[in-house]
PDB file of N, CA and C in Angstrom:
ATOM      1  N   MET A   1     124.192  93.246  49.325  1.00  0.00           N
ATOM      2  CA  MET A   1     124.480  94.515  48.369  1.00  0.00           C
ATOM      3  C   MET A   1     125.049  94.935  49.423  1.00  0.00           C
ATOM      4  N   ALA A   2     126.872  95.852  49.575  1.00  0.00           N
ATOM      5  CA  ALA A   2     127.349  96.636  50.312  1.00  0.00           C
ATOM      6  C   ALA A   2     126.654  98.401  49.739  1.00  0.00           C
ATOM      7  N   PHE A   3     127.065  98.668  50.471  1.00  0.00           N
ATOM      8  CA  PHE A   3     125.848 100.805  50.074  1.00  0.00           C
ATOM      9  C   PHE A   3     127.769 101.220  49.932  1.00  0.00           C
ATOM     10  N   SER A   4     128.011 102.207  49.124  1.00  0.00           N
ATOM     11  CA  SER A   4     129.236 103.464  48.624  1.00  0.00           C
ATOM     12  C   SER A   4     128.433 104.453  48.355  1.00  0.00           C
ATOM     13  N   ALA A   5     129.319 105.278  48.878  1.00  0.00           N
ATOM     14  CA  ALA A   5     129.333 106.611  48.189  1.00  0.00           C
ATOM     15  C   ALA A   5     129.976 107.432  48.342  1.00  0.00           C
ATOM     16  N   ASN A   6     130.475 107.608  46.766  1.00  0.00           N
ATOM     17  CA  ASN A   6     132.066 108.352  47.326  1.00  0.00           C
ATOM     18  C   ASN A   6     132.584 109.587  46.121  1.00  0.00           C
ATOM     19  N   LEU A   7     132.665 110.721  46.954  1.00  0.00           N
ATOM     20  CA  LEU A   7     132.222 111.909  46.730  1.00  0.00           C
ATOM     21  C   LEU A   7     133.653 112.461  45.731  1.00  0.00           C
ATOM     22  N   GLU A   8     133.489 113.225  44.560  1.00  0.00           N
ATOM     23  CA  GLU A   8     134.639 113.627  43.507  1.00  0.00           C
ATOM     24  C   GLU A   8     134.011 114.931  43.205  1.00  0.00           C
ATOM     25  N   MET A   9     135.043 115.997  43.523  1.00  0.00           N
ATOM     26  CA  MET A   9     134.909 117.567  43.100  1.00  0.00           C
ATOM     27  C   MET A   9     136.182 117.494  41.644  1.00  0.00           C
ATOM     28  N   THR A  10     135.135 118.184  40.805  1.00  0.00           N
ATOM     29  CA  THR A  10     135.760 117.795  39.175  1.00  0.00           C
ATOM     30  C   THR A  10     135.192 120.273  39.043  1.00  0.00           C
ATOM     31  N   GLY A  11     136.770 120.186  39.255  1.00  0.00           N
ATOM     32  CA  GLY A  11     136.406 121.623  39.021  1.00  0.00           C
ATOM     33  C   GLY A  11     135.122 122.536  40.120  1.00  0.00           C
ATOM     34  N   SER A  12     133.845 122.973  39.388  1.00  0.00           N
ATOM     35  CA  SER A  12     133.086 123.377  40.657  1.00  0.00           C
ATOM     36  C   SER A  12     131.252 122.393  40.542  1.00  0.00           C
ATOM     37  N   GLU A  13     131.792 121.662  40.234  1.00  0.00           N
ATOM     38  CA  GLU A  13     131.144 120.117  40.853  1.00  0.00           C
ATOM     39  C   GLU A  13     130.646 119.628  41.622  1.00  0.00           C
ATOM     40  N   ALA A  14     130.238 119.306  42.304  1.00  0.00           N
ATOM     41  CA  ALA A  14     130.869 117.976  43.525  1.00  0.00           C
ATOM     42  C   ALA A  14     129.886 116.695  42.756  1.00  0.00           C
ATOM     43  N   ARG A  15     130.593 115.913  42.568  1.00  0.00           N
ATOM     44  CA  ARG A  15     130.391 114.300  41.882  1.00  0.00           C
ATOM     45  C   ARG A  15     130.224 112.900  42.830  1.00  0.00           C
ATOM     46  N   ILE A  16     128.892 112.590  42.799  1.00  0.00           N
ATOM     47  CA  ILE A  16     128.683 111.695  44.326  1.00  0.00           C
ATOM     48  C   ILE A  16     128.012 110.674  43.077  1.00  0.00           C
ATOM     49  N   THR A  17     129.059 109.105  43.463  1.00  0.00           N
ATOM     50  CA  THR A  17     128.393 107.827  42.829  1.00  0.00           C
ATOM     51  C   THR A  17     127.790 106.936  44.356  1.00  0.00           C
ATOM     52  N   LEU A  18     126.750 106.445  43.697  1.00  0.00           N
ATOM     53  CA  LEU A  18     126.091 105.691  45.386  1.00  0.00           C
ATOM     54  C   LEU A  18     125.775 104.860  44.321  1.00  0.00           C
ATOM     55  N   GLU A  19     126.000 103.489  45.508  1.00  0.00           N
ATOM     56  CA  GLU A  19     126.960 101.873  44.649  1.00  0.00           C
ATOM     57  C   GLU A  19     125.836 101.343  45.673  1.00  0.00           C
ATOM     58  N   GLY A  20     124.555  99.842  45.250  1.00  0.00           N
ATOM     59  CA  GLY A  20     124.255  99.030  46.636  1.00  0.00           C
ATOM     60  C   GLY A  20     123.018  99.873  46.795  1.00  0.00           C
ATOM     61  N   GLU A  21     122.363  99.497  48.111  1.00  0.00           N
ATOM     62  CA  GLU A  21     121.324  99.463  49.043  1.00  0.00           C
ATOM     63  C   GLU A  21     121.274 100.942  49.776  1.00  0.00           C
ATOM     64  N   LEU A  22     120.453 102.132  49.521  1.00  0.00           N
ATOM     65  CA  LEU A  22     120.537 103.166  50.357  1.00  0.00           C
ATOM     66  C   LEU A  22     119.244 102.867  51.587  1.00  0.00           C
ATOM     67  N   ASP A  23     119.472 102.862  52.700  1.00  0.00           N
ATOM     68  CA  ASP A  23     118.695 102.107  53.855  1.00  0.00           C
ATOM     69  C   ASP A  23     119.202 102.999  54.672  1.00  0.00           C
ATOM     70  N   ALA A  24     118.430 102.579  55.667  1.00  0.00           N
ATOM     71  CA  ALA A  24     117.989 103.566  56.835  1.00  0.00           C
ATOM     72  C   ALA A  24     119.550 103.697  57.791  1.00  0.00           C
ATOM     73  N   ALA A  25     119.795 102.112  57.544  1.00  0.00           N
ATOM     74  CA  ALA A  25     120.735 101.385  57.688  1.00  0.00           C
ATOM     75  C   ALA A  25     122.442 102.595  57.556  1.00  0.00           C
ATOM     76  N   VAL A  26     122.229 102.960  56.517  1.00  0.00           N
ATOM     77  CA  VAL A  26     123.277 103.368  55.355  1.00  0.00           C
ATOM     78  C   VAL A  26     123.776 105.085  54.903  1.00  0.00           C
ATOM     79  N   ALA A  27     121.852 105.783  55.432  1.00  0.00           N
ATOM     80  CA  ALA A  27     122.079 106.925  55.155  1.00  0.00           C
ATOM     81  C   ALA A  27     122.643 108.005  55.811  1.00  0.00           C
ATOM     82  N   ASP A  28     123.482 107.576  56.799  1.00  0.00           N
ATOM     83  CA  ASP A  28     124.228 108.812  57.162  1.00  0.00           C
ATOM     84  C   ASP A  28     125.641 108.851  56.691  1.00  0.00           C
ATOM     85  N   GLN A  29     125.926 108.098  56.225  1.00  0.00           N
ATOM     86  CA  GLN A  29     127.074 107.267  55.698  1.00  0.00           C
ATOM     87  C   GLN A  29     126.462 108.865  54.386  1.00  0.00           C
ATOM     88  N   PHE A  30     125.854 108.618  53.209  1.00  0.00           N
ATOM     89  CA  PHE A  30     125.432 109.596  52.445  1.00  0.00           C
ATOM     90  C   PHE A  30     125.548 110.312  52.780  1.00  0.00           C
ATOM     91  N   ARG A  31     125.412 111.125  53.922  1.00  0.00           N
ATOM     92  CA  ARG A  31     124.296 112.433  54.559  1.00  0.00           C
ATOM     93  C   ARG A  31     125.258 113.210  54.349  1.00  0.00           C
ATOM     94  N   GLN A  32     126.689 112.430  55.329  1.00  0.00           N
ATOM     95  CA  GLN A  32     128.365 112.936  55.455  1.00  0.00           C
ATOM     96  C   GLN A  32     129.030 113.384  53.938  1.00  0.00           C
ATOM     97  N   THR A  33     128.852 112.304  53.455  1.00  0.00           N
ATOM     98  CA  THR A  33     129.355 112.293  52.364  1.00  0.00           C
ATOM     99  C   THR A  33     128.566 114.446  51.486  1.00  0.00           C
ATOM    100  N   VAL A  34     127.522 114.150  51.215  1.00  0.00           N
ATOM    101  CA  VAL A  34     126.755 115.367  50.513  1.00  0.00           C
ATOM    102  C   VAL A  34     127.777 116.433  51.862  1.00  0.00           C
ATOM    103  N   GLU A  35     127.201 116.087  52.894  1.00  0.00           N
ATOM    104  CA  GLU A  35     127.869 117.261  53.717  1.00  0.00           C
ATOM    105  C   GLU A  35     129.430 118.082  53.490  1.00  0.00           C
ATOM    106  N   ARG A  36     130.285 117.043  53.130  1.00  0.00           N
ATOM    107  CA  ARG A  36     131.678 117.445  52.536  1.00  0.00           C
ATOM    108  C   ARG A  36     131.553 118.094  50.878  1.00  0.00           C
ATOM    109  N   ALA A  37     131.081 117.412  50.416  1.00  0.00           N
ATOM    110  CA  ALA A  37     130.955 117.786  48.666  1.00  0.00           C
ATOM    111  C   ALA A  37     130.619 119.886  49.649  1.00  0.00           C
ATOM    112  N   ALA A  38     129.097 119.918  50.154  1.00  0.00           N
ATOM    113  CA  ALA A  38     128.907 121.495  50.321  1.00  0.00           C
ATOM    114  C   ALA A  38     129.610 122.445  50.917  1.00  0.00           C
ATOM    115  N   GLN A  39     130.448 121.830  51.950  1.00  0.00           N
ATOM    116  CA  GLN A  39     132.124 122.616  52.350  1.00  0.00           C
ATOM    117  C   GLN A  39     132.454 122.675  51.596  1.00  0.00           C
ATOM    118  N   GLU A  40     132.793 122.450  50.458  1.00  0.00           N
ATOM    119  CA  GLU A  40     133.171 122.494  49.046  1.00  0.00           C
ATOM    120  C   GLU A  40     132.895 123.328  47.596  1.00  0.00           C
ATOM    121  N   LYS A  41     131.354 123.797  48.755  1.00  0.00           N
ATOM    122  CA  LYS A  41     130.623 124.932  47.815  1.00  0.00           C
ATOM    123  C   LYS A  41     131.013 124.927  46.215  1.00  0.00           C
ATOM    124  N   PRO A  42     129.925 123.765  45.717  1.00  0.00           N
ATOM    125  CA  PRO A  42     129.873 122.973  44.275  1.00  0.00           C
ATOM    126  C   PRO A  42     128.877 124.302  43.973  1.00  0.00           C
ATOM    127  N   GLN A  43     128.669 124.477  42.382  1.00  0.00           N
ATOM    128  CA  GLN A  43     127.452 124.863  41.699  1.00  0.00           C
ATOM    129  C   GLN A  43     127.022 124.018  41.231  1.00  0.00           C
ATOM    130  N   LYS A  44     126.848 122.672  41.415  1.00  0.00           N
ATOM    131  CA  LYS A  44     126.108 121.842  40.800  1.00  0.00           C
ATOM    132  C   LYS A  44     126.845 120.819  41.555  1.00  0.00           C
ATOM    133  N   LEU A  45     125.732 119.629  42.102  1.00  0.00           N
ATOM    134  CA  LEU A  45     125.736 118.613  42.570  1.00  0.00           C
ATOM    135  C   LEU A  45     125.124 117.257  41.723  1.00  0.00           C
ATOM    136  N   VAL A  46     126.128 115.906  41.207  1.00  0.00           N
ATOM    137  CA  VAL A  46     125.672 115.587  40.329  1.00  0.00           C
ATOM    138  C   VAL A  46     126.028 114.280  41.382  1.00  0.00           C
ATOM    139  N   LEU A  47     124.549 113.323  40.701  1.00  0.00           N
ATOM    140  CA  LEU A  47     124.545 112.159  41.227  1.00  0.00           C
ATOM    141  C   LEU A  47     124.027 111.206  40.486  1.00  0.00           C
ATOM    142  N   PHE A  48     125.237 110.363  40.426  1.00  0.00           N
ATOM    143  CA  PHE A  48     125.205 108.651  39.720  1.00  0.00           C
ATOM    144  C   PHE A  48     124.039 107.538  40.604  1.00  0.00           C
ATOM    145  N   MET A  49     123.206 107.683  40.020  1.00  0.00           N
ATOM    146  CA  MET A  49     122.540 106.147  41.397  1.00  0.00           C
ATOM    147  C   MET A  49     122.316 105.389  39.715  1.00  0.00           C
ATOM    148  N   ASP A  50     123.329 104.999  39.315  1.00  0.00           N
ATOM    149  CA  ASP A  50     123.225 103.967  37.998  1.00  0.00           C
ATOM    150  C   ASP A  50     123.617 102.360  38.312  1.00  0.00           C
ATOM    151  N   LYS A  51     124.061 102.805  39.585  1.00  0.00           N
ATOM    152  CA  LYS A  51     124.079 101.659  40.408  1.00  0.00           C
ATOM    153  C   LYS A  51     123.665 101.270  41.565  1.00  0.00           C
ATOM    154  N   LEU A  52     122.939 102.021  42.276  1.00  0.00           N
ATOM    155  CA  LEU A  52     121.899 102.200  42.962  1.00  0.00           C
ATOM    156  C   LEU A  52     120.802 100.818  42.625  1.00  0.00           C
ATOM    157  N   GLN A  53     120.449 100.305  43.781  1.00  0.00           N
ATOM    158  CA  GLN A  53     119.851  99.261  43.692  1.00  0.00           C
ATOM    159  C   GLN A  53     118.218  99.241  43.890  1.00  0.00           C
ATOM    160  N   PHE A  54     118.392 100.795  44.809  1.00  0.00           N
ATOM    161  CA  PHE A  54     117.012 100.009  46.427  1.00  0.00           C
ATOM    162  C   PHE A  54     117.474 101.390  46.767  1.00  0.00           C
ATOM    163  N   MET A  55     116.620 102.401  47.472  1.00  0.00           N
ATOM    164  CA  MET A  55     116.502 103.697  47.629  1.00  0.00           C
ATOM    165  C   MET A  55     115.107 103.677  49.183  1.00  0.00           C
ATOM    166  N   ALA A  56     115.771 103.567  50.740  1.00  0.00           N
ATOM    167  CA  ALA A  56     114.338 103.500  51.419  1.00  0.00           C
ATOM    168  C   ALA A  56     114.019 104.879  51.379  1.00  0.00           C
ATOM    169  N   SER A  57     112.771 104.979  52.746  1.00  0.00           N
ATOM    170  CA  SER A  57     112.695 107.181  52.875  1.00  0.00           C
ATOM    171  C   SER A  57     113.630 107.721  53.308  1.00  0.00           C
ATOM    172  N   ALA A  58     114.740 106.820  53.924  1.00  0.00           N
ATOM    173  CA  ALA A  58     115.559 107.551  54.935  1.00  0.00           C
ATOM    174  C   ALA A  58     116.712 108.171  53.655  1.00  0.00           C
ATOM    175  N   GLY A  59     116.789 107.306  52.502  1.00  0.00           N
ATOM    176  CA  GLY A  59     117.791 107.877  51.326  1.00  0.00           C
ATOM    177  C   GLY A  59     116.802 109.166  50.014  1.00  0.00           C
ATOM    178  N   LEU A  60     115.863 109.147  50.925  1.00  0.00           N
ATOM    179  CA  LEU A  60     115.195 110.610  50.317  1.00  0.00           C
ATOM    180  C   LEU A  60     115.058 111.355  51.024  1.00  0.00           C
ATOM    181  N   ARG A  61     115.068 111.339  52.448  1.00  0.00           N
ATOM    182  CA  ARG A  61     115.421 112.197  53.691  1.00  0.00           C
ATOM    183  C   ARG A  61     116.507 112.957  53.430  1.00  0.00           C
ATOM    184  N   VAL A  62     117.631 112.402  52.786  1.00  0.00           N
ATOM    185  CA  VAL A  62     118.922 112.556  52.316  1.00  0.00           C
ATOM    186  C   VAL A  62     118.976 113.703  51.558  1.00  0.00           C
ATOM    187  N   LEU A  63     118.702 113.146  50.340  1.00  0.00           N
ATOM    188  CA  LEU A  63     118.245 113.968  49.453  1.00  0.00           C
ATOM    189  C   LEU A  63     117.386 115.077  49.801  1.00  0.00           C
ATOM    190  N   VAL A  64     116.458 115.393  50.367  1.00  0.00           N
ATOM    191  CA  VAL A  64     116.058 116.271  51.069  1.00  0.00           C
ATOM    192  C   VAL A  64     116.608 117.637  51.288  1.00  0.00           C
ATOM    193  N   PHE A  65     117.194 117.212  52.232  1.00  0.00           N
ATOM    194  CA  PHE A  65     119.195 117.662  53.046  1.00  0.00           C
ATOM    195  C   PHE A  65     119.911 118.254  52.456  1.00  0.00           C
ATOM    196  N   ALA A  66     120.028 117.695  51.150  1.00  0.00           N
ATOM    197  CA  ALA A  66     121.235 117.608  50.334  1.00  0.00           C
ATOM    198  C   ALA A  66     120.535 119.073  49.170  1.00  0.00           C
ATOM    199  N   LYS A  67     119.539 119.098  48.836  1.00  0.00           N
ATOM    200  CA  LYS A  67     118.493 120.396  47.893  1.00  0.00           C
ATOM    201  C   LYS A  67     118.800 121.092  49.702  1.00  0.00           C
ATOM    202  N   GLN A  68     118.421 121.583  50.870  1.00  0.00           N
ATOM    203  CA  GLN A  68     118.628 121.947  51.546  1.00  0.00           C
ATOM    204  C   GLN A  68     119.644 123.450  51.542  1.00  0.00           C
ATOM    205  N   ARG A  69     121.027 121.509  52.041  1.00  0.00           N
ATOM    206  CA  ARG A  69     122.416 122.576  52.399  1.00  0.00           C
ATOM    207  C   ARG A  69     123.194 122.647  51.567  1.00  0.00           C
ATOM    208  N   MET A  70     122.754 122.284  50.029  1.00  0.00           N
ATOM    209  CA  MET A  70     123.439 123.404  48.438  1.00  0.00           C
ATOM    210  C   MET A  70     122.584 124.447  48.794  1.00  0.00           C
ATOM    211  N   GLY A  71     122.055 124.699  49.126  1.00  0.00           N
ATOM    212  CA  GLY A  71     120.518 125.897  48.350  1.00  0.00           C
ATOM    213  C   GLY A  71     120.019 126.224  47.211  1.00  0.00           C
ATOM    214  N   ARG A  72     119.575 127.046  47.688  1.00  0.00           N
ATOM    215  CA  ARG A  72     118.761 127.055  45.991  1.00  0.00           C
ATOM    216  C   ARG A  72     119.184 126.961  44.533  1.00  0.00           C
ATOM    217  N   ASP A  73     120.837 127.630  44.751  1.00  0.00           N
ATOM    218  CA  ASP A  73     121.473 128.392  43.622  1.00  0.00           C
ATOM    219  C   ASP A  73     122.230 127.298  42.832  1.00  0.00           C
ATOM    220  N   VAL A  74     122.384 125.821  43.639  1.00  0.00           N
ATOM    221  CA  VAL A  74     122.566 124.862  43.616  1.00  0.00           C
ATOM    222  C   VAL A  74     122.335 123.991  42.771  1.00  0.00           C
ATOM    223  N   ALA A  75     121.966 123.452  41.322  1.00  0.00           N
ATOM    224  CA  ALA A  75     121.493 122.721  40.916  1.00  0.00           C
ATOM    225  C   ALA A  75     121.917 121.327  41.128  1.00  0.00           C
ATOM    226  N   ILE A  76     120.711 120.054  41.008  1.00  0.00           N
ATOM    227  CA  ILE A  76     121.478 119.090  41.549  1.00  0.00           C
ATOM    228  C   ILE A  76     120.841 118.085  40.502  1.00  0.00           C
ATOM    229  N   TYR A  77     121.647 117.254  39.599  1.00  0.00           N
ATOM    230  CA  TYR A  77     121.345 116.415  38.662  1.00  0.00           C
ATOM    231  C   TYR A  77     121.437 114.345  38.909  1.00  0.00           C
ATOM    232  N   VAL A  78     120.062 113.897  38.846  1.00  0.00           N
ATOM    233  CA  VAL A  78     120.227 113.003  38.989  1.00  0.00           C
ATOM    234  C   VAL A  78     120.305 111.321  38.249  1.00  0.00           C
ATOM    235  N   ILE A  79     122.066 110.839  38.057  1.00  0.00           N
ATOM    236  CA  ILE A  79     121.781 110.550  36.603  1.00  0.00           C
ATOM    237  C   ILE A  79     121.974 109.133  36.722  1.00  0.00           C
ATOM    238  N   GLY A  80     121.083 108.030  36.133  1.00  0.00           N
ATOM    239  CA  GLY A  80     121.087 107.174  35.837  1.00  0.00           C
ATOM    240  C   GLY A  80     120.189 106.555  36.867  1.00  0.00           C
ATOM    241  N   ALA A  81     118.986 107.035  37.584  1.00  0.00           N
ATOM    242  CA  ALA A  81     118.064 106.180  38.289  1.00  0.00           C
ATOM    243  C   ALA A  81     116.847 105.541  37.757  1.00  0.00           C
ATOM    244  N   THR A  82     116.993 104.079  38.497  1.00  0.00           N
ATOM    245  CA  THR A  82     115.751 103.473  37.239  1.00  0.00           C
ATOM    246  C   THR A  82     115.134 102.542  38.473  1.00  0.00           C
ATOM    247  N   GLY A  83     114.460 101.771  38.288  1.00  0.00           N
ATOM    248  CA  GLY A  83     113.572 101.064  38.629  1.00  0.00           C
ATOM    249  C   GLY A  83     112.928 101.294  40.619  1.00  0.00           C
ATOM    250  N   PRO A  84     113.051 100.592  41.340  1.00  0.00           N
ATOM    251  CA  PRO A  84     112.755 101.275  42.363  1.00  0.00           C
ATOM    252  C   PRO A  84     113.601 102.611  43.288  1.00  0.00           C
ATOM    253  N   VAL A  85     114.659 103.221  42.533  1.00  0.00           N
ATOM    254  CA  VAL A  85     115.008 104.046  43.333  1.00  0.00           C
ATOM    255  C   VAL A  85     113.788 105.332  42.604  1.00  0.00           C
ATOM    256  N   LEU A  86     114.012 105.118  40.842  1.00  0.00           N
ATOM    257  CA  LEU A  86     113.244 106.846  40.307  1.00  0.00           C
ATOM    258  C   LEU A  86     111.705 106.432  41.179  1.00  0.00           C
ATOM    259  N   ASN A  87     111.323 105.168  40.884  1.00  0.00           N
ATOM    260  CA  ASN A  87     109.586 104.787  41.693  1.00  0.00           C
ATOM    261  C   ASN A  87     109.333 105.660  42.654  1.00  0.00           C
ATOM    262  N   THR A  88     110.871 105.700  43.609  1.00  0.00           N
ATOM    263  CA  THR A  88     110.735 106.035  45.135  1.00  0.00           C
ATOM    264  C   THR A  88     110.719 107.972  45.049  1.00  0.00           C
ATOM    265  N   MET A  89     111.327 108.642  44.558  1.00  0.00           N
ATOM    266  CA  MET A  89     111.824 109.330  43.501  1.00  0.00           C
ATOM    267  C   MET A  89     109.977 110.001  43.111  1.00  0.00           C
ATOM    268  N   GLN A  90     109.736 109.645  41.688  1.00  0.00           N
ATOM    269  CA  GLN A  90     108.148 109.947  42.096  1.00  0.00           C
ATOM    270  C   GLN A  90     106.936 109.315  42.443  1.00  0.00           C
ATOM    271  N   MET A  91     107.328 108.863  43.539  1.00  0.00           N
ATOM    272  CA  MET A  91     105.870 108.515  44.319  1.00  0.00           C
ATOM    273  C   MET A  91     106.526 109.928  45.185  1.00  0.00           C
ATOM    274  N   SER A  92     107.306 109.997  46.093  1.00  0.00           N
ATOM    275  CA  SER A  92     107.251 111.371  46.637  1.00  0.00           C
ATOM    276  C   SER A  92     107.237 112.766  45.867  1.00  0.00           C
ATOM    277  N   GLY A  93     107.499 112.433  44.670  1.00  0.00           N
ATOM    278  CA  GLY A  93     106.983 113.969  43.849  1.00  0.00           C
ATOM    279  C   GLY A  93     108.874 114.741  44.440  1.00  0.00           C
ATOM    280  N   PHE A  94     109.990 114.615  44.485  1.00  0.00           N
ATOM    281  CA  PHE A  94     110.600 114.991  44.593  1.00  0.00           C
ATOM    282  C   PHE A  94     111.670 115.217  43.360  1.00  0.00           C
ATOM    283  N   HIS A  95     111.229 114.280  42.531  1.00  0.00           N
ATOM    284  CA  HIS A  95     112.013 114.261  41.240  1.00  0.00           C
ATOM    285  C   HIS A  95     111.373 115.560  40.106  1.00  0.00           C
ATOM    286  N   GLN A  96     110.724 116.269  40.871  1.00  0.00           N
ATOM    287  CA  GLN A  96     110.603 117.701  40.089  1.00  0.00           C
ATOM    288  C   GLN A  96     111.418 118.272  41.098  1.00  0.00           C
ATOM    289  N   ALA A  97     112.363 118.166  41.765  1.00  0.00           N
ATOM    290  CA  ALA A  97     113.430 118.930  42.680  1.00  0.00           C
ATOM    291  C   ALA A  97     114.491 119.133  41.825  1.00  0.00           C
ATOM    292  N   VAL A  98     114.556 117.908  40.987  1.00  0.00           N
ATOM    293  CA  VAL A  98     116.135 117.900  40.293  1.00  0.00           C
ATOM    294  C   VAL A  98     115.693 117.565  39.296  1.00  0.00           C
ATOM    295  N   TYR A  99     116.949 117.464  38.447  1.00  0.00           N
ATOM    296  CA  TYR A  99     116.460 116.879  36.810  1.00  0.00           C
ATOM    297  C   TYR A  99     117.437 116.058  36.555  1.00  0.00           C
ATOM    298  N   LEU A 100     116.155 115.183  35.808  1.00  0.00           N
ATOM    299  CA  LEU A 100     116.666 113.588  35.824  1.00  0.00           C
ATOM    300  C   LEU A 100     117.447 113.431  34.503  1.00  0.00           C
ATOM    301  N   GLN A 101     118.046 112.668  34.671  1.00  0.00           N
ATOM    302  CA  GLN A 101     118.831 112.386  33.744  1.00  0.00           C
ATOM    303  C   GLN A 101     119.397 110.748  32.694  1.00  0.00           C
ATOM    304  N   GLU A 102     119.215 110.496  32.190  1.00  0.00           N
ATOM    305  CA  GLU A 102     119.773 108.913  31.562  1.00  0.00           C
ATOM    306  C   GLU A 102     121.130 108.816  31.591  1.00  0.00           C
ATOM    307  N   SER A 103     122.075 110.112  31.392  1.00  0.00           N
ATOM    308  CA  SER A 103     123.859 110.567  30.962  1.00  0.00           C
ATOM    309  C   SER A 103     124.039 111.027  31.833  1.00  0.00           C
ATOM    310  N   TYR A 104     124.944 111.397  31.724  1.00  0.00           N
ATOM    311  CA  TYR A 104     125.614 113.093  31.505  1.00  0.00           C
ATOM    312  C   TYR A 104     127.147 112.834  31.286  1.00  0.00           C
ATOM    313  N   PRO A 105     127.529 114.268  30.211  1.00  0.00           N
ATOM    314  CA  PRO A 105     128.436 113.945  29.691  1.00  0.00           C
ATOM    315  C   PRO A 105     129.508 114.154  30.131  1.00  0.00           C
TER     316      PRO A 105
END
């Protein structure tokens, strides 16, 4: 399945919807989307991952980049991550650096 990362700014929130499989071949696309979001100086980064089927370590590196690039004052929410995506975050311990939620208002 093809990967997509769509950015939407809603007030002071940057919302990125991820879909497909996030591996090394497409990680730069996700990184560029995070960079565009960071330029908007959001107060919150919300990552919708309910349609993300797989995330390789390259995707995890982009999440770490997002945390560093946004700064410590920007909360990162991961919404709807399940299965292999959630397992990747938990095995690395990254789930402790973000807010994991099943849904978002």
